[in-house]
Amino acid sequence: MRPEEYDGEFTVSLFQAKYNHTDFSGNSNFPESGINGLIRAIGLLFNPAAELQHINARLLAKVEEARSLIRDGFIPQVRSIACNNGLKWNSGSEELCNLQIANRTVRTELKTDRINISAP
């Protein structure tokens, strides 16, 4: 199923989750390296010229579908959501996101909600 296009754009939502299964205190946060990796992945996934070598075949089909739209002139609006069972990411991660927004590499909404998950 091809993503819905509207006014020359299409929307894609990406989810990245980090689950700490050894400490349910809720004191860990989404690592800065994870945010940096998510930003790099967005750059690669939505670059039709980038070669992807180690990617799941089902995911590759979706990526190629989005790249096809980009080649046809549509602009991707990427919504990335970083989830974890702890604290909000650190100030370094926040700076990375703000820098990407300022450079218009990634347009995003930043929202942090805390959801407590207790051990079974």
PDB file of N, CA and C in Angstrom:
ATOM      1  N   MET A   1       0.831  -1.175   0.000  1.00  0.00           N
ATOM      2  CA  MET A   1       0.000   0.000   0.000  1.00  0.00           C
ATOM      3  C   MET A   1       0.878   1.241   0.000  1.00  0.00           C
ATOM      4  N   ARG A   2       0.701   2.066  -0.957  1.00  0.00           N
ATOM      5  CA  ARG A   2       1.487   3.288  -1.108  1.00  0.00           C
ATOM      6  C   ARG A   2       1.038   4.339  -0.087  1.00  0.00           C
ATOM      7  N   PRO A   3       2.004   5.066   0.546  1.00  0.00           N
ATOM      8  CA  PRO A   3       1.614   6.103   1.496  1.00  0.00           C
ATOM      9  C   PRO A   3       0.718   7.153   0.833  1.00  0.00           C
ATOM     10  N   GLU A   4      -0.169   7.723   1.621  1.00  0.00           N
ATOM     11  CA  GLU A   4      -1.081   8.737   1.102  1.00  0.00           C
ATOM     12  C   GLU A   4      -0.327  10.038   0.862  1.00  0.00           C
ATOM     13  N   GLU A   5      -0.502  10.585  -0.320  1.00  0.00           N
ATOM     14  CA  GLU A   5       0.137  11.850  -0.670  1.00  0.00           C
ATOM     15  C   GLU A   5      -0.882  12.966  -0.532  1.00  0.00           C
ATOM     16  N   TYR A   6      -0.428  14.112  -0.041  1.00  0.00           N
ATOM     17  CA  TYR A   6      -1.303  15.256   0.112  1.00  0.00           C
ATOM     18  C   TYR A   6      -0.503  16.517  -0.153  1.00  0.00           C
ATOM     19  N   ASP A   7      -0.935  17.280  -1.128  1.00  0.00           N
ATOM     20  CA  ASP A   7      -0.320  18.570  -1.443  1.00  0.00           C
ATOM     21  C   ASP A   7       1.187  18.457  -1.676  1.00  0.00           C
ATOM     22  N   GLY A   8       1.584  17.405  -2.393  1.00  0.00           N
ATOM     23  CA  GLY A   8       2.992  17.226  -2.736  1.00  0.00           C
ATOM     24  C   GLY A   8       3.849  16.632  -1.635  1.00  0.00           C
ATOM     25  N   GLU A   9       3.216  16.185  -0.549  1.00  0.00           N
ATOM     26  CA  GLU A   9       3.951  15.622   0.570  1.00  0.00           C
ATOM     27  C   GLU A   9       3.347  14.275   0.979  1.00  0.00           C
ATOM     28  N   PHE A  10       4.122  13.506   1.721  1.00  0.00           N
ATOM     29  CA  PHE A  10       3.608  12.282   2.333  1.00  0.00           C
ATOM     30  C   PHE A  10       4.228  12.158   3.723  1.00  0.00           C
ATOM     31  N   THR A  11       3.501  11.517   4.617  1.00  0.00           N
ATOM     32  CA  THR A  11       3.937  11.410   6.011  1.00  0.00           C
ATOM     33  C   THR A  11       4.371   9.987   6.337  1.00  0.00           C
ATOM     34  N   VAL A  12       5.478   9.896   7.071  1.00  0.00           N
ATOM     35  CA  VAL A  12       5.993   8.619   7.539  1.00  0.00           C
ATOM     36  C   VAL A  12       6.251   8.753   9.034  1.00  0.00           C
ATOM     37  N   SER A  13       5.829   7.772   9.812  1.00  0.00           N
ATOM     38  CA  SER A  13       6.110   7.749  11.247  1.00  0.00           C
ATOM     39  C   SER A  13       7.089   6.625  11.546  1.00  0.00           C
ATOM     40  N   LEU A  14       8.165   6.963  12.243  1.00  0.00           N
ATOM     41  CA  LEU A  14       9.181   5.990  12.637  1.00  0.00           C
ATOM     42  C   LEU A  14       9.214   5.900  14.152  1.00  0.00           C
ATOM     43  N   PHE A  15       9.315   4.684  14.676  1.00  0.00           N
ATOM     44  CA  PHE A  15       9.359   4.466  16.112  1.00  0.00           C
ATOM     45  C   PHE A  15      10.677   3.806  16.471  1.00  0.00           C
ATOM     46  N   GLN A  16      11.335   4.329  17.491  1.00  0.00           N
ATOM     47  CA  GLN A  16      12.551   3.731  18.031  1.00  0.00           C
ATOM     48  C   GLN A  16      12.298   3.530  19.519  1.00  0.00           C
ATOM     49  N   ALA A  17      12.431   2.313  20.007  1.00  0.00           N
ATOM     50  CA  ALA A  17      12.139   2.032  21.410  1.00  0.00           C
ATOM     51  C   ALA A  17      13.357   1.453  22.127  1.00  0.00           C
ATOM     52  N   LYS A  18      13.533   1.876  23.359  1.00  0.00           N
ATOM     53  CA  LYS A  18      14.566   1.337  24.246  1.00  0.00           C
ATOM     54  C   LYS A  18      13.866   0.908  25.522  1.00  0.00           C
ATOM     55  N   TYR A  19      13.970  -0.352  25.840  1.00  0.00           N
ATOM     56  CA  TYR A  19      13.301  -0.904  27.019  1.00  0.00           C
ATOM     57  C   TYR A  19      14.345  -1.438  27.973  1.00  0.00           C
ATOM     58  N   ASN A  20      14.436  -0.862  29.156  1.00  0.00           N
ATOM     59  CA  ASN A  20      15.382  -1.327  30.166  1.00  0.00           C
ATOM     60  C   ASN A  20      14.702  -2.421  30.981  1.00  0.00           C
ATOM     61  N   HIS A  21      15.111  -3.655  30.771  1.00  0.00           N
ATOM     62  CA  HIS A  21      14.477  -4.789  31.437  1.00  0.00           C
ATOM     63  C   HIS A  21      15.196  -5.208  32.713  1.00  0.00           C
ATOM     64  N   THR A  22      16.285  -4.522  33.059  1.00  0.00           N
ATOM     65  CA  THR A  22      17.021  -4.889  34.266  1.00  0.00           C
ATOM     66  C   THR A  22      16.760  -3.943  35.430  1.00  0.00           C
ATOM     67  N   ASP A  23      16.189  -2.761  35.145  1.00  0.00           N
ATOM     68  CA  ASP A  23      15.963  -1.773  36.188  1.00  0.00           C
ATOM     69  C   ASP A  23      14.631  -1.075  35.927  1.00  0.00           C
ATOM     70  N   PHE A  24      13.653  -1.363  36.752  1.00  0.00           N
ATOM     71  CA  PHE A  24      12.326  -0.791  36.558  1.00  0.00           C
ATOM     72  C   PHE A  24      12.104   0.473  37.394  1.00  0.00           C
ATOM     73  N   SER A  25      13.177   1.105  37.845  1.00  0.00           N
ATOM     74  CA  SER A  25      13.037   2.308  38.659  1.00  0.00           C
ATOM     75  C   SER A  25      12.631   3.517  37.819  1.00  0.00           C
ATOM     76  N   GLY A  26      12.817   3.423  36.505  1.00  0.00           N
ATOM     77  CA  GLY A  26      12.469   4.551  35.630  1.00  0.00           C
ATOM     78  C   GLY A  26      13.523   5.637  35.617  1.00  0.00           C
ATOM     79  N   ASN A  27      14.757   5.320  36.032  1.00  0.00           N
ATOM     80  CA  ASN A  27      15.812   6.331  36.109  1.00  0.00           C
ATOM     81  C   ASN A  27      16.743   6.349  34.909  1.00  0.00           C
ATOM     82  N   SER A  28      16.566   5.436  33.972  1.00  0.00           N
ATOM     83  CA  SER A  28      17.414   5.449  32.775  1.00  0.00           C
ATOM     84  C   SER A  28      16.737   6.305  31.708  1.00  0.00           C
ATOM     85  N   ASN A  29      17.519   6.759  30.751  1.00  0.00           N
ATOM     86  CA  ASN A  29      16.927   7.565  29.681  1.00  0.00           C
ATOM     87  C   ASN A  29      17.322   7.027  28.311  1.00  0.00           C
ATOM     88  N   PHE A  30      16.705   7.585  27.280  1.00  0.00           N
ATOM     89  CA  PHE A  30      17.027   7.205  25.912  1.00  0.00           C
ATOM     90  C   PHE A  30      18.439   7.719  25.641  1.00  0.00           C
ATOM     91  N   PRO A  31      19.389   6.871  25.281  1.00  0.00           N
ATOM     92  CA  PRO A  31      20.780   7.314  25.133  1.00  0.00           C
ATOM     93  C   PRO A  31      20.966   8.292  23.975  1.00  0.00           C
ATOM     94  N   GLU A  32      21.890   9.213  24.170  1.00  0.00           N
ATOM     95  CA  GLU A  32      22.207  10.196  23.131  1.00  0.00           C
ATOM     96  C   GLU A  32      22.636   9.497  21.841  1.00  0.00           C
ATOM     97  N   SER A  33      23.365   8.392  21.968  1.00  0.00           N
ATOM     98  CA  SER A  33      23.804   7.650  20.786  1.00  0.00           C
ATOM     99  C   SER A  33      22.589   7.096  20.021  1.00  0.00           C
ATOM    100  N   GLY A  34      21.518   6.747  20.740  1.00  0.00           N
ATOM    101  CA  GLY A  34      20.301   6.263  20.090  1.00  0.00           C
ATOM    102  C   GLY A  34      19.612   7.350  19.288  1.00  0.00           C
ATOM    103  N   ILE A  35      19.568   8.570  19.835  1.00  0.00           N
ATOM    104  CA  ILE A  35      18.982   9.708  19.119  1.00  0.00           C
ATOM    105  C   ILE A  35      19.825  10.036  17.897  1.00  0.00           C
ATOM    106  N   ASN A  36      21.148  10.045  18.066  1.00  0.00           N
ATOM    107  CA  ASN A  36      22.046  10.314  16.951  1.00  0.00           C
ATOM    108  C   ASN A  36      21.872   9.259  15.855  1.00  0.00           C
ATOM    109  N   GLY A  37      21.756   7.997  16.240  1.00  0.00           N
ATOM    110  CA  GLY A  37      21.541   6.925  15.269  1.00  0.00           C
ATOM    111  C   GLY A  37      20.216   7.057  14.539  1.00  0.00           C
ATOM    112  N   LEU A  38      19.174   7.470  15.263  1.00  0.00           N
ATOM    113  CA  LEU A  38      17.863   7.674  14.645  1.00  0.00           C
ATOM    114  C   LEU A  38      17.927   8.778  13.594  1.00  0.00           C
ATOM    115  N   ILE A  39      18.608   9.876  13.912  1.00  0.00           N
ATOM    116  CA  ILE A  39      18.748  10.987  12.963  1.00  0.00           C
ATOM    117  C   ILE A  39      19.537  10.539  11.730  1.00  0.00           C
ATOM    118  N   ARG A  40      20.630   9.796  11.948  1.00  0.00           N
ATOM    119  CA  ARG A  40      21.419   9.285  10.808  1.00  0.00           C
ATOM    120  C   ARG A  40      20.585   8.338   9.951  1.00  0.00           C
ATOM    121  N   ALA A  41      19.794   7.476  10.598  1.00  0.00           N
ATOM    122  CA  ALA A  41      18.956   6.523   9.865  1.00  0.00           C
ATOM    123  C   ALA A  41      17.939   7.246   8.994  1.00  0.00           C
ATOM    124  N   ILE A  42      17.347   8.304   9.511  1.00  0.00           N
ATOM    125  CA  ILE A  42      16.383   9.074   8.713  1.00  0.00           C
ATOM    126  C   ILE A  42      17.060   9.614   7.462  1.00  0.00           C
ATOM    127  N   GLY A  43      18.271  10.142   7.635  1.00  0.00           N
ATOM    128  CA  GLY A  43      19.015  10.658   6.486  1.00  0.00           C
ATOM    129  C   GLY A  43      19.289   9.596   5.433  1.00  0.00           C
ATOM    130  N   LEU A  44      19.600   8.384   5.863  1.00  0.00           N
ATOM    131  CA  LEU A  44      19.880   7.299   4.923  1.00  0.00           C
ATOM    132  C   LEU A  44      18.611   6.722   4.299  1.00  0.00           C
ATOM    133  N   LEU A  45      17.603   6.504   5.120  1.00  0.00           N
ATOM    134  CA  LEU A  45      16.381   5.879   4.617  1.00  0.00           C
ATOM    135  C   LEU A  45      15.692   6.727   3.550  1.00  0.00           C
ATOM    136  N   PHE A  46      15.739   8.043   3.702  1.00  0.00           N
ATOM    137  CA  PHE A  46      15.017   8.911   2.777  1.00  0.00           C
ATOM    138  C   PHE A  46      15.931   9.563   1.750  1.00  0.00           C
ATOM    139  N   ASN A  47      17.103   8.993   1.551  1.00  0.00           N
ATOM    140  CA  ASN A  47      18.022   9.433   0.501  1.00  0.00           C
ATOM    141  C   ASN A  47      18.000   8.367  -0.592  1.00  0.00           C
ATOM    142  N   PRO A  48      17.332   8.651  -1.720  1.00  0.00           N
ATOM    143  CA  PRO A  48      17.218   7.637  -2.773  1.00  0.00           C
ATOM    144  C   PRO A  48      18.558   7.154  -3.327  1.00  0.00           C
ATOM    145  N   ALA A  49      19.622   7.939  -3.141  1.00  0.00           N
ATOM    146  CA  ALA A  49      20.931   7.549  -3.669  1.00  0.00           C
ATOM    147  C   ALA A  49      21.731   6.701  -2.678  1.00  0.00           C
ATOM    148  N   ALA A  50      21.316   6.655  -1.421  1.00  0.00           N
ATOM    149  CA  ALA A  50      22.059   5.902  -0.408  1.00  0.00           C
ATOM    150  C   ALA A  50      21.827   4.405  -0.587  1.00  0.00           C
ATOM    151  N   GLU A  51      22.910   3.640  -0.485  1.00  0.00           N
ATOM    152  CA  GLU A  51      22.818   2.183  -0.605  1.00  0.00           C
ATOM    153  C   GLU A  51      22.652   1.578   0.783  1.00  0.00           C
ATOM    154  N   LEU A  52      21.628   0.774   0.945  1.00  0.00           N
ATOM    155  CA  LEU A  52      21.369   0.102   2.221  1.00  0.00           C
ATOM    156  C   LEU A  52      21.789  -1.360   2.079  1.00  0.00           C
ATOM    157  N   GLN A  53      22.678  -1.803   2.951  1.00  0.00           N
ATOM    158  CA  GLN A  53      23.217  -3.152   2.812  1.00  0.00           C
ATOM    159  C   GLN A  53      22.583  -4.169   3.754  1.00  0.00           C
ATOM    160  N   HIS A  54      22.364  -3.805   4.990  1.00  0.00           N
ATOM    161  CA  HIS A  54      21.874  -4.766   5.983  1.00  0.00           C
ATOM    162  C   HIS A  54      20.492  -4.335   6.449  1.00  0.00           C
ATOM    163  N   ILE A  55      19.493  -4.679   5.649  1.00  0.00           N
ATOM    164  CA  ILE A  55      18.138  -4.248   5.959  1.00  0.00           C
ATOM    165  C   ILE A  55      17.161  -5.390   5.688  1.00  0.00           C
ATOM    166  N   ASN A  56      16.204  -5.535   6.553  1.00  0.00           N
ATOM    167  CA  ASN A  56      15.158  -6.542   6.426  1.00  0.00           C
ATOM    168  C   ASN A  56      14.422  -6.344   5.091  1.00  0.00           C
ATOM    169  N   ALA A  57      14.118  -7.423   4.395  1.00  0.00           N
ATOM    170  CA  ALA A  57      13.485  -7.337   3.067  1.00  0.00           C
ATOM    171  C   ALA A  57      12.130  -6.641   3.118  1.00  0.00           C
ATOM    172  N   ARG A  58      11.340  -6.897   4.162  1.00  0.00           N
ATOM    173  CA  ARG A  58      10.023  -6.237   4.267  1.00  0.00           C
ATOM    174  C   ARG A  58      10.181  -4.738   4.490  1.00  0.00           C
ATOM    175  N   LEU A  59      11.165  -4.378   5.325  1.00  0.00           N
ATOM    176  CA  LEU A  59      11.429  -2.956   5.564  1.00  0.00           C
ATOM    177  C   LEU A  59      11.979  -2.301   4.299  1.00  0.00           C
ATOM    178  N   LEU A  60      12.835  -2.989   3.583  1.00  0.00           N
ATOM    179  CA  LEU A  60      13.394  -2.450   2.345  1.00  0.00           C
ATOM    180  C   LEU A  60      12.289  -2.129   1.343  1.00  0.00           C
ATOM    181  N   ALA A  61      11.271  -2.961   1.260  1.00  0.00           N
ATOM    182  CA  ALA A  61      10.154  -2.702   0.348  1.00  0.00           C
ATOM    183  C   ALA A  61       9.462  -1.389   0.715  1.00  0.00           C
ATOM    184  N   LYS A  62       9.262  -1.133   2.012  1.00  0.00           N
ATOM    185  CA  LYS A  62       8.639   0.116   2.461  1.00  0.00           C
ATOM    186  C   LYS A  62       9.544   1.316   2.185  1.00  0.00           C
ATOM    187  N   VAL A  63      10.840   1.138   2.418  1.00  0.00           N
ATOM    188  CA  VAL A  63      11.799   2.216   2.165  1.00  0.00           C
ATOM    189  C   VAL A  63      11.818   2.558   0.681  1.00  0.00           C
ATOM    190  N   GLU A  64      11.837   1.550  -0.168  1.00  0.00           N
ATOM    191  CA  GLU A  64      11.849   1.797  -1.608  1.00  0.00           C
ATOM    192  C   GLU A  64      10.559   2.466  -2.077  1.00  0.00           C
ATOM    193  N   GLU A  65       9.458   2.148  -1.426  1.00  0.00           N
ATOM    194  CA  GLU A  65       8.187   2.797  -1.732  1.00  0.00           C
ATOM    195  C   GLU A  65       8.272   4.295  -1.434  1.00  0.00           C
ATOM    196  N   ALA A  66       8.838   4.639  -0.287  1.00  0.00           N
ATOM    197  CA  ALA A  66       9.013   6.047   0.077  1.00  0.00           C
ATOM    198  C   ALA A  66      10.012   6.725  -0.850  1.00  0.00           C
ATOM    199  N   ARG A  67      11.100   6.048  -1.163  1.00  0.00           N
ATOM    200  CA  ARG A  67      12.101   6.624  -2.068  1.00  0.00           C
ATOM    201  C   ARG A  67      11.519   6.868  -3.455  1.00  0.00           C
ATOM    202  N   SER A  68      10.635   5.996  -3.890  1.00  0.00           N
ATOM    203  CA  SER A  68       9.980   6.178  -5.185  1.00  0.00           C
ATOM    204  C   SER A  68       9.170   7.475  -5.195  1.00  0.00           C
ATOM    205  N   LEU A  69       8.474   7.733  -4.104  1.00  0.00           N
ATOM    206  CA  LEU A  69       7.714   8.985  -3.989  1.00  0.00           C
ATOM    207  C   LEU A  69       8.644  10.194  -4.030  1.00  0.00           C
ATOM    208  N   ILE A  70       9.787  10.075  -3.358  1.00  0.00           N
ATOM    209  CA  ILE A  70      10.764  11.170  -3.353  1.00  0.00           C
ATOM    210  C   ILE A  70      11.277  11.409  -4.768  1.00  0.00           C
ATOM    211  N   ARG A  71      11.588  10.331  -5.488  1.00  0.00           N
ATOM    212  CA  ARG A  71      12.046  10.473  -6.872  1.00  0.00           C
ATOM    213  C   ARG A  71      10.983  11.129  -7.758  1.00  0.00           C
ATOM    214  N   ASP A  72       9.703  10.911  -7.405  1.00  0.00           N
ATOM    215  CA  ASP A  72       8.603  11.515  -8.160  1.00  0.00           C
ATOM    216  C   ASP A  72       8.335  12.958  -7.750  1.00  0.00           C
ATOM    217  N   GLY A  73       9.132  13.470  -6.802  1.00  0.00           N
ATOM    218  CA  GLY A  73       9.016  14.871  -6.412  1.00  0.00           C
ATOM    219  C   GLY A  73       8.228  15.136  -5.143  1.00  0.00           C
ATOM    220  N   PHE A  74       7.759  14.085  -4.468  1.00  0.00           N
ATOM    221  CA  PHE A  74       7.029  14.291  -3.220  1.00  0.00           C
ATOM    222  C   PHE A  74       8.015  14.507  -2.067  1.00  0.00           C
ATOM    223  N   ILE A  75       7.602  15.290  -1.093  1.00  0.00           N
ATOM    224  CA  ILE A  75       8.450  15.626   0.048  1.00  0.00           C
ATOM    225  C   ILE A  75       8.008  14.815   1.260  1.00  0.00           C
ATOM    226  N   PRO A  76       8.948  14.068   1.868  1.00  0.00           N
ATOM    227  CA  PRO A  76       8.567  13.296   3.054  1.00  0.00           C
ATOM    228  C   PRO A  76       8.496  14.176   4.299  1.00  0.00           C
ATOM    229  N   GLN A  77       7.445  14.025   5.053  1.00  0.00           N
ATOM    230  CA  GLN A  77       7.338  14.629   6.385  1.00  0.00           C
ATOM    231  C   GLN A  77       7.514  13.486   7.360  1.00  0.00           C
ATOM    232  N   VAL A  78       8.669  13.437   8.008  1.00  0.00           N
ATOM    233  CA  VAL A  78       9.023  12.312   8.862  1.00  0.00           C
ATOM    234  C   VAL A  78       8.728  12.664  10.312  1.00  0.00           C
ATOM    235  N   ARG A  79       7.946  11.813  10.933  1.00  0.00           N
ATOM    236  CA  ARG A  79       7.648  11.949  12.353  1.00  0.00           C
ATOM    237  C   ARG A  79       8.376  10.821  13.057  1.00  0.00           C
ATOM    238  N   SER A  80       9.361  11.169  13.884  1.00  0.00           N
ATOM    239  CA  SER A  80      10.118  10.139  14.588  1.00  0.00           C
ATOM    240  C   SER A  80       9.772  10.191  16.065  1.00  0.00           C
ATOM    241  N   ILE A  81       9.543   9.022  16.618  1.00  0.00           N
ATOM    242  CA  ILE A  81       9.122   8.906  18.009  1.00  0.00           C
ATOM    243  C   ILE A  81      10.114   8.001  18.730  1.00  0.00           C
ATOM    244  N   ALA A  82      10.765   8.552  19.754  1.00  0.00           N
ATOM    245  CA  ALA A  82      11.719   7.793  20.555  1.00  0.00           C
ATOM    246  C   ALA A  82      11.057   7.469  21.891  1.00  0.00           C
ATOM    247  N   CYS A  83      10.889   6.178  22.160  1.00  0.00           N
ATOM    248  CA  CYS A  83      10.176   5.728  23.366  1.00  0.00           C
ATOM    249  C   CYS A  83      11.133   5.004  24.301  1.00  0.00           C
ATOM    250  N   ASN A  84      10.919   5.178  25.590  1.00  0.00           N
ATOM    251  CA  ASN A  84      11.661   4.389  26.573  1.00  0.00           C
ATOM    252  C   ASN A  84      10.851   4.289  27.846  1.00  0.00           C
ATOM    253  N   ASN A  85      11.266   3.435  28.751  1.00  0.00           N
ATOM    254  CA  ASN A  85      10.541   3.255  30.013  1.00  0.00           C
ATOM    255  C   ASN A  85      11.270   3.950  31.152  1.00  0.00           C
ATOM    256  N   GLY A  86      11.779   5.160  30.859  1.00  0.00           N
ATOM    257  CA  GLY A  86      12.506   5.904  31.884  1.00  0.00           C
ATOM    258  C   GLY A  86      12.370   7.397  31.724  1.00  0.00           C
ATOM    259  N   LEU A  87      13.456   8.084  31.962  1.00  0.00           N
ATOM    260  CA  LEU A  87      13.484   9.538  31.947  1.00  0.00           C
ATOM    261  C   LEU A  87      13.530  10.109  30.530  1.00  0.00           C
ATOM    262  N   LYS A  88      13.267  11.412  30.435  1.00  0.00           N
ATOM    263  CA  LYS A  88      13.420  12.126  29.171  1.00  0.00           C
ATOM    264  C   LYS A  88      14.894  12.067  28.768  1.00  0.00           C
ATOM    265  N   TRP A  89      15.164  12.145  27.459  1.00  0.00           N
ATOM    266  CA  TRP A  89      16.555  12.115  27.017  1.00  0.00           C
ATOM    267  C   TRP A  89      17.310  13.302  27.591  1.00  0.00           C
ATOM    268  N   ASN A  90      18.652  13.226  27.516  1.00  0.00           N
ATOM    269  CA  ASN A  90      19.495  14.254  28.124  1.00  0.00           C
ATOM    270  C   ASN A  90      19.601  15.498  27.248  1.00  0.00           C
ATOM    271  N   SER A  91      20.295  16.520  27.755  1.00  0.00           N
ATOM    272  CA  SER A  91      20.404  17.797  27.047  1.00  0.00           C
ATOM    273  C   SER A  91      21.172  17.647  25.729  1.00  0.00           C
ATOM    274  N   GLY A  92      22.127  16.719  25.669  1.00  0.00           N
ATOM    275  CA  GLY A  92      22.857  16.488  24.415  1.00  0.00           C
ATOM    276  C   GLY A  92      21.938  15.974  23.321  1.00  0.00           C
ATOM    277  N   SER A  93      21.036  15.082  23.677  1.00  0.00           N
ATOM    278  CA  SER A  93      20.057  14.562  22.716  1.00  0.00           C
ATOM    279  C   SER A  93      19.115  15.674  22.260  1.00  0.00           C
ATOM    280  N   GLU A  94      18.702  16.504  23.211  1.00  0.00           N
ATOM    281  CA  GLU A  94      17.826  17.634  22.889  1.00  0.00           C
ATOM    282  C   GLU A  94      18.513  18.582  21.906  1.00  0.00           C
ATOM    283  N   GLU A  95      19.814  18.839  22.131  1.00  0.00           N
ATOM    284  CA  GLU A  95      20.587  19.699  21.221  1.00  0.00           C
ATOM    285  C   GLU A  95      20.651  19.099  19.821  1.00  0.00           C
ATOM    286  N   LEU A  96      20.863  17.775  19.732  1.00  0.00           N
ATOM    287  CA  LEU A  96      20.905  17.116  18.421  1.00  0.00           C
ATOM    288  C   LEU A  96      19.587  17.324  17.667  1.00  0.00           C
ATOM    289  N   CYS A  97      18.478  17.148  18.364  1.00  0.00           N
ATOM    290  CA  CYS A  97      17.165  17.329  17.735  1.00  0.00           C
ATOM    291  C   CYS A  97      16.966  18.778  17.310  1.00  0.00           C
ATOM    292  N   ASN A  98      17.305  19.713  18.183  1.00  0.00           N
ATOM    293  CA  ASN A  98      17.132  21.125  17.856  1.00  0.00           C
ATOM    294  C   ASN A  98      18.018  21.547  16.694  1.00  0.00           C
ATOM    295  N   LEU A  99      19.225  21.001  16.626  1.00  0.00           N
ATOM    296  CA  LEU A  99      20.128  21.305  15.526  1.00  0.00           C
ATOM    297  C   LEU A  99      19.541  20.807  14.205  1.00  0.00           C
ATOM    298  N   GLN A 100      18.984  19.607  14.210  1.00  0.00           N
ATOM    299  CA  GLN A 100      18.374  19.058  12.998  1.00  0.00           C
ATOM    300  C   GLN A 100      17.177  19.896  12.561  1.00  0.00           C
ATOM    301  N   ILE A 101      16.407  20.381  13.535  1.00  0.00           N
ATOM    302  CA  ILE A 101      15.257  21.228  13.218  1.00  0.00           C
ATOM    303  C   ILE A 101      15.743  22.541  12.623  1.00  0.00           C
ATOM    304  N   ALA A 102      16.777  23.142  13.227  1.00  0.00           N
ATOM    305  CA  ALA A 102      17.312  24.416  12.742  1.00  0.00           C
ATOM    306  C   ALA A 102      17.869  24.274  11.331  1.00  0.00           C
ATOM    307  N   ASN A 103      18.493  23.133  11.044  1.00  0.00           N
ATOM    308  CA  ASN A 103      19.056  22.891   9.709  1.00  0.00           C
ATOM    309  C   ASN A 103      18.009  22.385   8.725  1.00  0.00           C
ATOM    310  N   ARG A 104      16.769  22.219   9.193  1.00  0.00           N
ATOM    311  CA  ARG A 104      15.659  21.728   8.385  1.00  0.00           C
ATOM    312  C   ARG A 104      15.925  20.349   7.787  1.00  0.00           C
ATOM    313  N   THR A 105      16.847  19.604   8.408  1.00  0.00           N
ATOM    314  CA  THR A 105      17.076  18.229   7.991  1.00  0.00           C
ATOM    315  C   THR A 105      15.903  17.373   8.431  1.00  0.00           C
ATOM    316  N   VAL A 106      15.409  17.660   9.614  1.00  0.00           N
ATOM    317  CA  VAL A 106      14.295  16.913  10.173  1.00  0.00           C
ATOM    318  C   VAL A 106      13.318  17.916  10.773  1.00  0.00           C
ATOM    319  N   ARG A 107      12.056  17.830  10.382  1.00  0.00           N
ATOM    320  CA  ARG A 107      11.021  18.630  11.030  1.00  0.00           C
ATOM    321  C   ARG A 107      10.303  17.692  11.980  1.00  0.00           C
ATOM    322  N   THR A 108      10.242  18.071  13.234  1.00  0.00           N
ATOM    323  CA  THR A 108       9.714  17.148  14.222  1.00  0.00           C
ATOM    324  C   THR A 108       8.947  17.869  15.318  1.00  0.00           C
ATOM    325  N   GLU A 109       8.157  17.134  16.021  1.00  0.00           N
ATOM    326  CA  GLU A 109       7.496  17.622  17.224  1.00  0.00           C
ATOM    327  C   GLU A 109       8.144  16.901  18.386  1.00  0.00           C
ATOM    328  N   LEU A 110       8.584  17.662  19.382  1.00  0.00           N
ATOM    329  CA  LEU A 110       9.211  17.050  20.541  1.00  0.00           C
ATOM    330  C   LEU A 110       8.204  17.002  21.676  1.00  0.00           C
ATOM    331  N   LYS A 111       7.949  15.817  22.155  1.00  0.00           N
ATOM    332  CA  LYS A 111       7.017  15.656  23.258  1.00  0.00           C
ATOM    333  C   LYS A 111       7.522  14.515  24.124  1.00  0.00           C
ATOM    334  N   THR A 112       7.562  14.750  25.403  1.00  0.00           N
ATOM    335  CA  THR A 112       8.007  13.713  26.313  1.00  0.00           C
ATOM    336  C   THR A 112       6.933  13.469  27.355  1.00  0.00           C
ATOM    337  N   ASP A 113       6.493  12.261  27.455  1.00  0.00           N
ATOM    338  CA  ASP A 113       5.566  11.836  28.502  1.00  0.00           C
ATOM    339  C   ASP A 113       6.239  10.698  29.245  1.00  0.00           C
ATOM    340  N   ARG A 114       6.029  10.654  30.523  1.00  0.00           N
ATOM    341  CA  ARG A 114       6.593   9.558  31.307  1.00  0.00           C
ATOM    342  C   ARG A 114       5.510   8.547  31.597  1.00  0.00           C
ATOM    343  N   ILE A 115       5.785   7.316  31.283  1.00  0.00           N
ATOM    344  CA  ILE A 115       4.868   6.219  31.568  1.00  0.00           C
ATOM    345  C   ILE A 115       5.607   5.259  32.487  1.00  0.00           C
ATOM    346  N   ASN A 116       5.093   5.049  33.648  1.00  0.00           N
ATOM    347  CA  ASN A 116       5.734   4.144  34.601  1.00  0.00           C
ATOM    348  C   ASN A 116       5.385   2.701  34.265  1.00  0.00           C
ATOM    349  N   ILE A 117       6.406   1.875  34.190  1.00  0.00           N
ATOM    350  CA  ILE A 117       6.228   0.450  33.951  1.00  0.00           C
ATOM    351  C   ILE A 117       6.850  -0.275  35.124  1.00  0.00           C
ATOM    352  N   SER A 118       6.077  -1.059  35.804  1.00  0.00           N
ATOM    353  CA  SER A 118       6.615  -1.777  36.960  1.00  0.00           C
ATOM    354  C   SER A 118       6.940  -3.212  36.584  1.00  0.00           C
ATOM    355  N   ALA A 119       7.787  -3.797  37.396  1.00  0.00           N
ATOM    356  CA  ALA A 119       8.176  -5.182  37.155  1.00  0.00           C
ATOM    357  C   ALA A 119       6.995  -6.113  37.385  1.00  0.00           C
ATOM    358  N   PRO A 120       6.921  -7.210  36.622  1.00  0.00           N
ATOM    359  CA  PRO A 120       5.820  -8.155  36.796  1.00  0.00           C
ATOM    360  C   PRO A 120       5.894  -8.860  38.136  1.00  0.00           C
TER     361      PRO A 120
END
